[in-house]
Amino acid sequence: MGADPTTEAEPEDFTLRGDPFGLFAEWMLEAEAAEPNDPNAMALATAGADGLPDVRMVLLKGADARGFVFYTNLESAKGGELAENPQAAMVLHWKSLRRQVRARGPVTPVTVEEADAYFESRHRDSRIGAHASRQSRPLESRAALLAEVAALSARYEDGPVPRPAHWTGFRIEPVTLEFWRDGAFRLHDRVRFTRDGAGWSRSRLYP
């Protein structure tokens, strides 16, 4: 039997690292170089007051020692669930690298300044779309949505497109962070970081 490429040694054993955010930053840089599409795509799980979980793909738009940031319509399904139960879980899976990262914790809104800055960085058509979309609610037809986009484009013409009050960002402030790397014969590497006061404790897990 030939050698399994997933068993090749890496320069560093990531399970010995003490800084989860530093490790995440390194893995994200490698994913940006390896993944053909949306290396920042992540599955986001939320649950409302009924406790029934819901999950969807969103884009990670910021990551540092404070947590992981994504943006959404406050009137969407996830916006409503986060209002009722401000906690979330997320996972990024990088198939080309055979790695994934999971995190979960409380969720807090980003600052107005952060939301404004990110909204302004978006393509103009995406800013128009944020106004046009009544996210998660019934839509009569695609033609109705496109008509709303056209009307808003005419309204704003070449002027600024302000951030709608119902559109902002959230930050997941993880209490746990788990890193996973594929191993031969399902003998994967897993390490979980758990917030411990101002720092983190680390434990290696059975696959």
N, C-alpha and C. Protein backbone atom coordinates (compact mmCIF):
# COMPACT_ATOMS: atom_id res chain seq x y z
N MET A 1 0.86 -1.19 0.00
CA MET A 1 0.00 0.00 0.00
C MET A 1 0.89 1.24 0.00
N GLY A 2 0.56 2.23 -0.85
CA GLY A 2 1.36 3.44 -0.93
C GLY A 2 1.16 4.33 0.29
N ALA A 3 2.05 5.27 0.45
CA ALA A 3 1.98 6.18 1.59
C ALA A 3 0.76 7.08 1.47
N ASP A 4 0.10 7.31 2.56
CA ASP A 4 -1.05 8.21 2.60
C ASP A 4 -0.53 9.64 2.76
N PRO A 5 -0.87 10.57 1.84
CA PRO A 5 -0.35 11.93 1.93
C PRO A 5 -0.77 12.65 3.20
N THR A 6 -1.89 12.23 3.82
CA THR A 6 -2.35 12.92 5.03
C THR A 6 -1.49 12.59 6.23
N THR A 7 -0.58 11.60 6.10
CA THR A 7 0.28 11.25 7.24
C THR A 7 1.61 11.99 7.22
N GLU A 8 1.85 12.79 6.21
CA GLU A 8 3.10 13.52 6.13
C GLU A 8 3.22 14.50 7.28
N ALA A 9 4.40 14.57 7.86
CA ALA A 9 4.62 15.43 9.02
C ALA A 9 4.55 16.89 8.62
N GLU A 10 3.97 17.72 9.50
CA GLU A 10 3.97 19.15 9.30
C GLU A 10 5.14 19.75 10.08
N PRO A 11 5.57 20.99 9.73
CA PRO A 11 6.71 21.60 10.41
C PRO A 11 6.51 21.72 11.92
N GLU A 12 5.26 21.84 12.36
CA GLU A 12 5.01 22.06 13.78
C GLU A 12 3.78 21.26 14.20
N ASP A 13 3.81 20.70 15.39
CA ASP A 13 2.66 19.98 15.94
C ASP A 13 1.70 21.03 16.51
N PHE A 14 0.61 21.28 15.80
CA PHE A 14 -0.28 22.37 16.21
C PHE A 14 -0.94 22.09 17.56
N THR A 15 -1.00 20.81 17.97
CA THR A 15 -1.65 20.49 19.24
C THR A 15 -0.87 20.98 20.45
N LEU A 16 0.34 21.46 20.22
CA LEU A 16 1.15 21.98 21.31
C LEU A 16 1.07 23.49 21.43
N ARG A 17 0.38 24.13 20.49
CA ARG A 17 0.30 25.58 20.51
C ARG A 17 -0.55 26.07 21.68
N GLY A 18 -0.23 27.27 22.19
CA GLY A 18 -0.96 27.82 23.32
C GLY A 18 -1.89 28.96 22.96
N ASP A 19 -1.76 29.50 21.76
CA ASP A 19 -2.55 30.67 21.35
C ASP A 19 -3.51 30.27 20.24
N PRO A 20 -4.80 30.06 20.54
CA PRO A 20 -5.72 29.59 19.50
C PRO A 20 -5.93 30.60 18.38
N PHE A 21 -5.92 31.88 18.68
CA PHE A 21 -6.17 32.88 17.64
C PHE A 21 -4.96 33.02 16.72
N GLY A 22 -3.77 32.87 17.27
CA GLY A 22 -2.59 32.87 16.42
C GLY A 22 -2.59 31.68 15.49
N LEU A 23 -2.97 30.51 16.01
CA LEU A 23 -3.07 29.31 15.18
C LEU A 23 -4.14 29.48 14.11
N PHE A 24 -5.27 30.05 14.50
CA PHE A 24 -6.34 30.27 13.52
C PHE A 24 -5.87 31.19 12.39
N ALA A 25 -5.16 32.26 12.74
CA ALA A 25 -4.68 33.19 11.72
C ALA A 25 -3.77 32.49 10.72
N GLU A 26 -2.90 31.60 11.21
CA GLU A 26 -2.00 30.86 10.32
C GLU A 26 -2.78 29.92 9.41
N TRP A 27 -3.73 29.21 9.99
CA TRP A 27 -4.54 28.27 9.18
C TRP A 27 -5.37 29.02 8.14
N MET A 28 -5.89 30.19 8.52
CA MET A 28 -6.68 30.97 7.56
C MET A 28 -5.83 31.43 6.39
N LEU A 29 -4.61 31.87 6.67
CA LEU A 29 -3.71 32.28 5.58
C LEU A 29 -3.44 31.11 4.63
N GLU A 30 -3.23 29.93 5.17
CA GLU A 30 -2.99 28.77 4.33
C GLU A 30 -4.25 28.39 3.55
N ALA A 31 -5.42 28.55 4.17
CA ALA A 31 -6.67 28.27 3.46
C ALA A 31 -6.89 29.26 2.33
N GLU A 32 -6.55 30.52 2.54
CA GLU A 32 -6.71 31.51 1.49
C GLU A 32 -5.84 31.19 0.28
N ALA A 33 -4.71 30.53 0.53
CA ALA A 33 -3.82 30.16 -0.58
C ALA A 33 -4.24 28.85 -1.24
N ALA A 34 -4.99 28.01 -0.53
CA ALA A 34 -5.31 26.68 -1.04
C ALA A 34 -6.73 26.50 -1.53
N GLU A 35 -7.69 27.17 -0.89
CA GLU A 35 -9.09 26.94 -1.24
C GLU A 35 -9.47 27.72 -2.50
N PRO A 36 -10.13 27.07 -3.47
CA PRO A 36 -10.47 27.76 -4.71
C PRO A 36 -11.59 28.79 -4.56
N ASN A 37 -12.49 28.59 -3.59
CA ASN A 37 -13.61 29.51 -3.42
C ASN A 37 -13.91 29.72 -1.94
N ASP A 38 -14.08 30.98 -1.57
CA ASP A 38 -14.57 31.37 -0.24
C ASP A 38 -13.91 30.61 0.91
N PRO A 39 -12.63 30.78 1.14
CA PRO A 39 -12.01 30.12 2.29
C PRO A 39 -12.58 30.60 3.62
N ASN A 40 -13.28 31.74 3.61
CA ASN A 40 -13.89 32.27 4.82
C ASN A 40 -15.35 31.84 4.99
N ALA A 41 -15.81 30.90 4.17
CA ALA A 41 -17.18 30.39 4.32
C ALA A 41 -17.27 29.55 5.58
N MET A 42 -18.29 29.80 6.39
CA MET A 42 -18.45 29.02 7.62
C MET A 42 -19.92 28.70 7.85
N ALA A 43 -20.17 27.55 8.45
CA ALA A 43 -21.51 27.17 8.86
C ALA A 43 -21.77 27.82 10.22
N LEU A 44 -22.90 28.52 10.31
CA LEU A 44 -23.26 29.24 11.52
C LEU A 44 -24.54 28.63 12.08
N ALA A 45 -24.48 28.16 13.32
CA ALA A 45 -25.65 27.56 13.97
C ALA A 45 -26.17 28.49 15.06
N THR A 46 -27.49 28.70 15.06
CA THR A 46 -28.16 29.50 16.07
C THR A 46 -29.41 28.76 16.50
N ALA A 47 -30.02 29.23 17.57
CA ALA A 47 -31.28 28.66 18.04
C ALA A 47 -32.06 29.75 18.74
N GLY A 48 -33.35 29.82 18.44
CA GLY A 48 -34.20 30.82 19.08
C GLY A 48 -34.72 30.34 20.42
N ALA A 49 -35.79 31.01 20.86
CA ALA A 49 -36.35 30.69 22.16
C ALA A 49 -36.91 29.27 22.21
N ASP A 50 -37.31 28.72 21.05
CA ASP A 50 -37.85 27.36 21.04
C ASP A 50 -36.78 26.29 21.17
N GLY A 51 -35.50 26.69 21.10
CA GLY A 51 -34.41 25.75 21.27
C GLY A 51 -34.09 24.93 20.05
N LEU A 52 -34.86 25.07 18.98
CA LEU A 52 -34.63 24.28 17.77
C LEU A 52 -33.46 24.88 16.99
N PRO A 53 -32.38 24.13 16.76
CA PRO A 53 -31.22 24.70 16.08
C PRO A 53 -31.47 24.95 14.60
N ASP A 54 -30.77 25.92 14.08
CA ASP A 54 -30.84 26.30 12.68
C ASP A 54 -29.40 26.54 12.21
N VAL A 55 -29.09 26.20 10.97
CA VAL A 55 -27.72 26.37 10.49
C VAL A 55 -27.74 26.82 9.04
N ARG A 56 -26.75 27.64 8.66
CA ARG A 56 -26.63 28.13 7.29
C ARG A 56 -25.18 28.58 7.07
N MET A 57 -24.83 28.73 5.81
CA MET A 57 -23.48 29.20 5.48
C MET A 57 -23.47 30.72 5.43
N VAL A 58 -22.45 31.31 6.06
CA VAL A 58 -22.23 32.75 6.00
C VAL A 58 -20.74 32.96 5.74
N LEU A 59 -20.33 34.22 5.60
CA LEU A 59 -18.92 34.53 5.38
C LEU A 59 -18.32 35.17 6.63
N LEU A 60 -17.20 34.63 7.06
CA LEU A 60 -16.45 35.22 8.16
C LEU A 60 -15.79 36.50 7.66
N LYS A 61 -16.05 37.60 8.34
CA LYS A 61 -15.53 38.89 7.88
C LYS A 61 -14.54 39.55 8.83
N GLY A 62 -14.19 38.88 9.87
CA GLY A 62 -13.19 39.41 10.79
C GLY A 62 -12.85 38.38 11.84
N ALA A 63 -11.59 38.30 12.21
CA ALA A 63 -11.16 37.36 13.25
C ALA A 63 -9.94 37.92 13.95
N ASP A 64 -10.04 38.06 15.25
CA ASP A 64 -8.90 38.47 16.08
C ASP A 64 -9.14 37.95 17.48
N ALA A 65 -8.37 38.41 18.43
CA ALA A 65 -8.47 37.89 19.80
C ALA A 65 -9.82 38.18 20.45
N ARG A 66 -10.59 39.09 19.85
CA ARG A 66 -11.93 39.36 20.41
C ARG A 66 -12.96 38.35 19.95
N GLY A 67 -12.74 37.71 18.79
CA GLY A 67 -13.69 36.74 18.30
C GLY A 67 -13.84 36.76 16.80
N PHE A 68 -14.96 36.21 16.33
CA PHE A 68 -15.21 35.99 14.90
C PHE A 68 -16.44 36.78 14.47
N VAL A 69 -16.30 37.57 13.40
CA VAL A 69 -17.33 38.53 13.00
C VAL A 69 -18.01 38.11 11.70
N PHE A 70 -19.33 38.23 11.68
CA PHE A 70 -20.12 38.06 10.47
C PHE A 70 -21.19 39.14 10.45
N TYR A 71 -21.78 39.38 9.28
CA TYR A 71 -22.78 40.43 9.11
C TYR A 71 -24.09 39.84 8.59
N THR A 72 -25.20 40.49 8.97
CA THR A 72 -26.49 39.96 8.55
C THR A 72 -27.59 41.01 8.70
N ASN A 73 -28.77 40.65 8.22
CA ASN A 73 -29.98 41.44 8.38
C ASN A 73 -30.59 41.08 9.73
N LEU A 74 -30.82 42.08 10.57
CA LEU A 74 -31.38 41.82 11.90
C LEU A 74 -32.78 41.23 11.82
N GLU A 75 -33.46 41.44 10.70
CA GLU A 75 -34.83 40.95 10.54
C GLU A 75 -34.87 39.57 9.89
N SER A 76 -33.71 38.97 9.65
CA SER A 76 -33.64 37.64 9.08
C SER A 76 -33.93 36.60 10.17
N ALA A 77 -34.00 35.33 9.75
CA ALA A 77 -34.23 34.27 10.73
C ALA A 77 -33.13 34.23 11.77
N LYS A 78 -31.86 34.31 11.33
CA LYS A 78 -30.77 34.26 12.31
C LYS A 78 -30.74 35.50 13.17
N GLY A 79 -31.12 36.65 12.60
CA GLY A 79 -31.19 37.86 13.40
C GLY A 79 -32.21 37.73 14.52
N GLY A 80 -33.37 37.15 14.20
CA GLY A 80 -34.39 36.94 15.22
C GLY A 80 -33.96 35.94 16.27
N GLU A 81 -33.30 34.87 15.83
CA GLU A 81 -32.83 33.86 16.77
C GLU A 81 -31.76 34.43 17.70
N LEU A 82 -30.87 35.24 17.15
CA LEU A 82 -29.82 35.83 17.98
C LEU A 82 -30.39 36.84 18.97
N ALA A 83 -31.50 37.50 18.61
CA ALA A 83 -32.15 38.42 19.54
C ALA A 83 -32.74 37.65 20.72
N GLU A 84 -33.25 36.45 20.45
CA GLU A 84 -33.87 35.63 21.50
C GLU A 84 -32.84 34.85 22.31
N ASN A 85 -31.75 34.46 21.64
CA ASN A 85 -30.75 33.60 22.28
C ASN A 85 -29.38 33.97 21.71
N PRO A 86 -28.73 34.96 22.31
CA PRO A 86 -27.47 35.48 21.74
C PRO A 86 -26.27 34.57 21.96
N GLN A 87 -26.35 33.39 21.38
CA GLN A 87 -25.25 32.42 21.40
C GLN A 87 -25.20 31.76 20.03
N ALA A 88 -24.02 31.29 19.65
CA ALA A 88 -23.89 30.66 18.33
C ALA A 88 -22.72 29.69 18.32
N ALA A 89 -22.73 28.82 17.33
CA ALA A 89 -21.61 27.94 17.06
C ALA A 89 -21.26 28.07 15.59
N MET A 90 -20.01 27.81 15.24
CA MET A 90 -19.55 27.96 13.86
C MET A 90 -18.53 26.88 13.54
N VAL A 91 -18.40 26.57 12.27
CA VAL A 91 -17.35 25.66 11.82
C VAL A 91 -16.89 26.09 10.44
N LEU A 92 -15.59 26.12 10.24
CA LEU A 92 -14.99 26.30 8.92
C LEU A 92 -14.32 24.99 8.54
N HIS A 93 -14.64 24.50 7.35
CA HIS A 93 -14.05 23.25 6.87
C HIS A 93 -13.29 23.55 5.58
N TRP A 94 -12.00 23.24 5.60
CA TRP A 94 -11.15 23.47 4.43
C TRP A 94 -10.80 22.11 3.82
N LYS A 95 -11.57 21.72 2.83
CA LYS A 95 -11.44 20.38 2.26
C LYS A 95 -10.07 20.17 1.64
N SER A 96 -9.54 21.18 0.97
CA SER A 96 -8.26 21.02 0.30
C SER A 96 -7.12 20.78 1.29
N LEU A 97 -7.27 21.29 2.52
CA LEU A 97 -6.24 21.12 3.55
C LEU A 97 -6.57 20.01 4.53
N ARG A 98 -7.78 19.47 4.43
CA ARG A 98 -8.25 18.43 5.37
C ARG A 98 -8.17 18.93 6.81
N ARG A 99 -8.74 20.11 7.01
CA ARG A 99 -8.74 20.73 8.33
C ARG A 99 -10.11 21.36 8.60
N GLN A 100 -10.41 21.53 9.88
CA GLN A 100 -11.58 22.32 10.24
C GLN A 100 -11.35 22.97 11.59
N VAL A 101 -12.11 24.05 11.81
CA VAL A 101 -12.06 24.78 13.08
C VAL A 101 -13.49 25.00 13.54
N ARG A 102 -13.74 24.68 14.79
CA ARG A 102 -15.06 24.90 15.39
C ARG A 102 -14.93 25.88 16.54
N ALA A 103 -15.99 26.66 16.77
CA ALA A 103 -16.02 27.57 17.91
C ALA A 103 -17.46 27.77 18.34
N ARG A 104 -17.65 28.10 19.60
CA ARG A 104 -18.98 28.44 20.09
C ARG A 104 -18.85 29.37 21.28
N GLY A 105 -19.89 30.18 21.47
CA GLY A 105 -19.85 31.13 22.57
C GLY A 105 -20.94 32.17 22.44
N PRO A 106 -20.97 33.12 23.36
CA PRO A 106 -21.95 34.20 23.28
C PRO A 106 -21.68 35.11 22.09
N VAL A 107 -22.73 35.79 21.66
CA VAL A 107 -22.64 36.67 20.49
C VAL A 107 -23.02 38.09 20.91
N THR A 108 -22.22 39.06 20.49
CA THR A 108 -22.51 40.46 20.78
C THR A 108 -22.46 41.26 19.48
N PRO A 109 -23.24 42.35 19.38
CA PRO A 109 -23.19 43.17 18.17
C PRO A 109 -21.84 43.87 18.04
N VAL A 110 -21.40 44.09 16.81
CA VAL A 110 -20.21 44.90 16.59
C VAL A 110 -20.59 46.36 16.84
N THR A 111 -19.60 47.23 16.89
CA THR A 111 -19.88 48.65 17.09
C THR A 111 -20.48 49.25 15.82
N VAL A 112 -21.13 50.38 15.99
CA VAL A 112 -21.67 51.11 14.84
C VAL A 112 -20.55 51.45 13.87
N GLU A 113 -19.40 51.83 14.39
CA GLU A 113 -18.27 52.20 13.54
C GLU A 113 -17.79 51.00 12.71
N GLU A 114 -17.73 49.83 13.34
CA GLU A 114 -17.32 48.63 12.61
C GLU A 114 -18.31 48.30 11.50
N ALA A 115 -19.61 48.35 11.84
CA ALA A 115 -20.64 48.03 10.85
C ALA A 115 -20.61 49.02 9.69
N ASP A 116 -20.48 50.31 10.00
CA ASP A 116 -20.43 51.32 8.94
C ASP A 116 -19.22 51.11 8.03
N ALA A 117 -18.07 50.84 8.64
CA ALA A 117 -16.84 50.68 7.86
C ALA A 117 -16.94 49.47 6.94
N TYR A 118 -17.45 48.36 7.44
CA TYR A 118 -17.55 47.18 6.58
C TYR A 118 -18.60 47.39 5.49
N PHE A 119 -19.74 48.00 5.84
CA PHE A 119 -20.78 48.22 4.83
C PHE A 119 -20.24 49.10 3.70
N GLU A 120 -19.47 50.10 4.04
CA GLU A 120 -18.92 51.00 3.03
C GLU A 120 -17.92 50.28 2.13
N SER A 121 -17.28 49.24 2.66
CA SER A 121 -16.29 48.50 1.86
C SER A 121 -16.94 47.56 0.84
N ARG A 122 -18.22 47.31 0.98
CA ARG A 122 -18.89 46.36 0.09
C ARG A 122 -19.12 46.99 -1.29
N HIS A 123 -19.28 46.14 -2.29
CA HIS A 123 -19.62 46.61 -3.63
C HIS A 123 -20.94 47.37 -3.57
N ARG A 124 -21.04 48.40 -4.37
CA ARG A 124 -22.25 49.23 -4.34
C ARG A 124 -23.51 48.39 -4.56
N ASP A 125 -23.46 47.44 -5.47
CA ASP A 125 -24.64 46.62 -5.73
C ASP A 125 -25.01 45.78 -4.51
N SER A 126 -24.02 45.35 -3.74
CA SER A 126 -24.31 44.61 -2.52
C SER A 126 -24.96 45.51 -1.47
N ARG A 127 -24.54 46.78 -1.44
CA ARG A 127 -25.17 47.71 -0.51
C ARG A 127 -26.63 47.97 -0.90
N ILE A 128 -26.87 48.09 -2.19
CA ILE A 128 -28.26 48.23 -2.67
C ILE A 128 -29.06 46.98 -2.30
N GLY A 129 -28.45 45.83 -2.49
CA GLY A 129 -29.13 44.57 -2.17
C GLY A 129 -29.51 44.46 -0.71
N ALA A 130 -28.68 45.01 0.18
CA ALA A 130 -29.00 44.96 1.60
C ALA A 130 -30.26 45.74 1.92
N HIS A 131 -30.52 46.80 1.16
CA HIS A 131 -31.75 47.57 1.32
C HIS A 131 -32.93 46.82 0.70
N ALA A 132 -32.71 46.17 -0.42
CA ALA A 132 -33.81 45.56 -1.18
C ALA A 132 -34.31 44.27 -0.56
N SER A 133 -33.44 43.52 0.08
CA SER A 133 -33.82 42.19 0.56
C SER A 133 -34.51 42.23 1.91
N ARG A 134 -35.71 41.69 1.96
CA ARG A 134 -36.41 41.45 3.23
C ARG A 134 -36.09 40.02 3.64
N GLN A 135 -34.87 39.81 4.04
CA GLN A 135 -34.29 38.48 4.17
C GLN A 135 -35.15 37.54 5.01
N SER A 136 -35.30 36.34 4.49
CA SER A 136 -36.00 35.22 5.13
C SER A 136 -37.53 35.32 5.02
N ARG A 137 -38.04 36.41 4.47
CA ARG A 137 -39.49 36.52 4.36
C ARG A 137 -39.96 36.13 2.96
N PRO A 138 -41.25 35.78 2.82
CA PRO A 138 -41.75 35.30 1.52
C PRO A 138 -41.54 36.34 0.42
N LEU A 139 -41.16 35.86 -0.77
CA LEU A 139 -40.92 36.70 -1.93
C LEU A 139 -41.86 36.27 -3.05
N GLU A 140 -42.63 37.22 -3.57
CA GLU A 140 -43.62 36.92 -4.61
C GLU A 140 -42.96 36.34 -5.85
N SER A 141 -41.85 36.95 -6.28
CA SER A 141 -41.14 36.47 -7.47
C SER A 141 -39.77 37.13 -7.51
N ARG A 142 -38.87 36.54 -8.26
CA ARG A 142 -37.55 37.15 -8.43
C ARG A 142 -37.68 38.50 -9.13
N ALA A 143 -38.65 38.60 -10.03
CA ALA A 143 -38.87 39.87 -10.74
C ALA A 143 -39.19 40.99 -9.76
N ALA A 144 -39.94 40.67 -8.69
CA ALA A 144 -40.26 41.69 -7.69
C ALA A 144 -39.01 42.17 -6.98
N LEU A 145 -38.10 41.25 -6.68
CA LEU A 145 -36.85 41.63 -6.04
C LEU A 145 -36.01 42.51 -6.95
N LEU A 146 -35.90 42.12 -8.22
CA LEU A 146 -35.10 42.90 -9.17
C LEU A 146 -35.70 44.29 -9.40
N ALA A 147 -37.03 44.37 -9.36
CA ALA A 147 -37.69 45.68 -9.52
C ALA A 147 -37.36 46.58 -8.34
N GLU A 148 -37.30 46.00 -7.13
CA GLU A 148 -36.95 46.78 -5.95
C GLU A 148 -35.50 47.25 -6.03
N VAL A 149 -34.61 46.39 -6.51
CA VAL A 149 -33.21 46.77 -6.70
C VAL A 149 -33.10 47.92 -7.69
N ALA A 150 -33.84 47.85 -8.79
CA ALA A 150 -33.80 48.90 -9.80
C ALA A 150 -34.31 50.22 -9.24
N ALA A 151 -35.40 50.15 -8.45
CA ALA A 151 -35.95 51.37 -7.87
C ALA A 151 -34.97 52.01 -6.89
N LEU A 152 -34.31 51.21 -6.09
CA LEU A 152 -33.34 51.74 -5.14
C LEU A 152 -32.10 52.29 -5.84
N SER A 153 -31.68 51.64 -6.92
CA SER A 153 -30.53 52.14 -7.69
C SER A 153 -30.84 53.51 -8.26
N ALA A 154 -32.06 53.69 -8.73
CA ALA A 154 -32.47 54.99 -9.27
C ALA A 154 -32.56 56.03 -8.16
N ARG A 155 -33.03 55.59 -7.01
CA ARG A 155 -33.19 56.52 -5.88
C ARG A 155 -31.85 57.07 -5.43
N TYR A 156 -30.85 56.18 -5.30
CA TYR A 156 -29.55 56.62 -4.80
C TYR A 156 -28.64 57.14 -5.91
N GLU A 157 -28.96 56.83 -7.15
CA GLU A 157 -28.18 57.25 -8.32
C GLU A 157 -26.68 57.05 -8.04
N ASP A 158 -25.90 58.12 -8.12
CA ASP A 158 -24.46 58.01 -7.87
C ASP A 158 -24.06 58.45 -6.47
N GLY A 159 -25.08 58.71 -5.64
CA GLY A 159 -24.79 59.19 -4.29
C GLY A 159 -24.47 58.05 -3.34
N PRO A 160 -24.19 58.38 -2.09
CA PRO A 160 -23.86 57.35 -1.10
C PRO A 160 -25.06 56.46 -0.80
N VAL A 161 -24.78 55.21 -0.48
CA VAL A 161 -25.82 54.27 -0.08
C VAL A 161 -25.63 54.02 1.41
N PRO A 162 -26.49 54.57 2.26
CA PRO A 162 -26.29 54.43 3.71
C PRO A 162 -26.55 53.01 4.19
N ARG A 163 -25.93 52.67 5.28
CA ARG A 163 -26.19 51.36 5.87
C ARG A 163 -27.60 51.33 6.47
N PRO A 164 -28.41 50.34 6.10
CA PRO A 164 -29.75 50.27 6.68
C PRO A 164 -29.68 49.96 8.17
N ALA A 165 -30.62 50.48 8.93
CA ALA A 165 -30.62 50.28 10.37
C ALA A 165 -30.77 48.81 10.74
N HIS A 166 -31.35 48.02 9.84
CA HIS A 166 -31.58 46.60 10.15
C HIS A 166 -30.41 45.71 9.72
N TRP A 167 -29.29 46.30 9.32
CA TRP A 167 -28.15 45.52 8.83
C TRP A 167 -26.94 45.83 9.69
N THR A 168 -26.36 44.82 10.31
CA THR A 168 -25.19 45.04 11.15
C THR A 168 -24.40 43.74 11.30
N GLY A 169 -23.43 43.75 12.18
CA GLY A 169 -22.59 42.58 12.39
C GLY A 169 -22.66 42.06 13.81
N PHE A 170 -22.21 40.82 13.95
CA PHE A 170 -22.13 40.18 15.26
C PHE A 170 -20.75 39.57 15.44
N ARG A 171 -20.35 39.46 16.69
CA ARG A 171 -19.08 38.84 17.02
C ARG A 171 -19.32 37.65 17.95
N ILE A 172 -18.88 36.47 17.50
CA ILE A 172 -18.89 35.31 18.37
C ILE A 172 -17.65 35.38 19.25
N GLU A 173 -17.85 35.43 20.56
CA GLU A 173 -16.75 35.48 21.52
C GLU A 173 -16.58 34.07 22.09
N PRO A 174 -15.70 33.28 21.50
CA PRO A 174 -15.68 31.85 21.80
C PRO A 174 -15.28 31.53 23.24
N VAL A 175 -16.00 30.56 23.79
CA VAL A 175 -15.59 29.99 25.07
C VAL A 175 -14.84 28.69 24.80
N THR A 176 -15.04 28.10 23.62
CA THR A 176 -14.23 26.95 23.19
C THR A 176 -13.87 27.13 21.73
N LEU A 177 -12.68 26.65 21.38
CA LEU A 177 -12.18 26.64 20.01
C LEU A 177 -11.55 25.27 19.78
N GLU A 178 -11.97 24.60 18.72
CA GLU A 178 -11.42 23.27 18.46
C GLU A 178 -10.82 23.19 17.06
N PHE A 179 -9.60 22.69 16.98
CA PHE A 179 -8.88 22.52 15.73
C PHE A 179 -8.79 21.03 15.41
N TRP A 180 -9.04 20.70 14.16
CA TRP A 180 -9.05 19.30 13.70
C TRP A 180 -8.24 19.18 12.42
N ARG A 181 -7.42 18.12 12.37
CA ARG A 181 -6.66 17.83 11.15
C ARG A 181 -6.82 16.34 10.83
N ASP A 182 -7.10 16.06 9.57
CA ASP A 182 -7.33 14.70 9.12
C ASP A 182 -6.08 13.83 9.32
N GLY A 183 -6.32 12.59 9.72
CA GLY A 183 -5.23 11.63 9.85
C GLY A 183 -5.59 10.33 9.17
N ALA A 184 -4.59 9.54 8.82
CA ALA A 184 -4.83 8.26 8.16
C ALA A 184 -5.64 7.33 9.07
N PHE A 185 -6.52 6.54 8.44
CA PHE A 185 -7.32 5.54 9.15
C PHE A 185 -8.17 6.17 10.24
N ARG A 186 -8.58 7.43 10.01
CA ARG A 186 -9.45 8.18 10.92
C ARG A 186 -8.79 8.45 12.28
N LEU A 187 -7.47 8.40 12.33
CA LEU A 187 -6.74 8.75 13.54
C LEU A 187 -6.39 10.23 13.47
N HIS A 188 -7.42 11.05 13.55
CA HIS A 188 -7.27 12.49 13.36
C HIS A 188 -6.60 13.15 14.56
N ASP A 189 -6.08 14.35 14.34
CA ASP A 189 -5.57 15.20 15.42
C ASP A 189 -6.66 16.19 15.81
N ARG A 190 -6.95 16.26 17.11
CA ARG A 190 -7.93 17.23 17.62
C ARG A 190 -7.38 17.88 18.87
N VAL A 191 -7.52 19.19 18.95
CA VAL A 191 -7.17 19.89 20.18
C VAL A 191 -8.25 20.93 20.46
N ARG A 192 -8.66 20.98 21.71
CA ARG A 192 -9.70 21.93 22.12
C ARG A 192 -9.10 22.94 23.09
N PHE A 193 -9.33 24.21 22.79
CA PHE A 193 -8.96 25.31 23.69
C PHE A 193 -10.22 25.76 24.41
N THR A 194 -10.13 25.90 25.73
CA THR A 194 -11.26 26.34 26.54
C THR A 194 -10.86 27.59 27.29
N ARG A 195 -11.72 28.61 27.21
CA ARG A 195 -11.37 29.87 27.87
C ARG A 195 -11.27 29.65 29.38
N ASP A 196 -10.18 30.15 29.94
CA ASP A 196 -9.88 29.97 31.35
C ASP A 196 -9.46 31.32 31.91
N GLY A 197 -10.44 32.08 32.37
CA GLY A 197 -10.15 33.43 32.83
C GLY A 197 -9.70 34.29 31.66
N ALA A 198 -8.53 34.90 31.80
CA ALA A 198 -8.02 35.74 30.72
C ALA A 198 -7.23 34.94 29.68
N GLY A 199 -7.05 33.64 29.94
CA GLY A 199 -6.27 32.82 29.02
C GLY A 199 -7.05 31.62 28.52
N TRP A 200 -6.29 30.59 28.13
CA TRP A 200 -6.90 29.39 27.56
C TRP A 200 -6.24 28.15 28.15
N SER A 201 -7.04 27.14 28.40
CA SER A 201 -6.51 25.82 28.70
C SER A 201 -6.61 24.98 27.44
N ARG A 202 -5.77 23.97 27.31
CA ARG A 202 -5.71 23.18 26.08
C ARG A 202 -5.79 21.70 26.42
N SER A 203 -6.54 20.96 25.63
CA SER A 203 -6.60 19.51 25.84
C SER A 203 -6.66 18.82 24.48
N ARG A 204 -5.91 17.74 24.38
CA ARG A 204 -5.95 16.93 23.16
C ARG A 204 -7.08 15.93 23.30
N LEU A 205 -7.81 15.67 22.21
CA LEU A 205 -8.98 14.82 22.25
C LEU A 205 -8.79 13.57 21.41
N TYR A 206 -9.42 12.48 21.84
CA TYR A 206 -9.51 11.32 20.96
C TYR A 206 -10.24 11.71 19.68
N PRO A 207 -9.85 11.11 18.55
CA PRO A 207 -10.57 11.44 17.31
C PRO A 207 -11.97 10.83 17.30
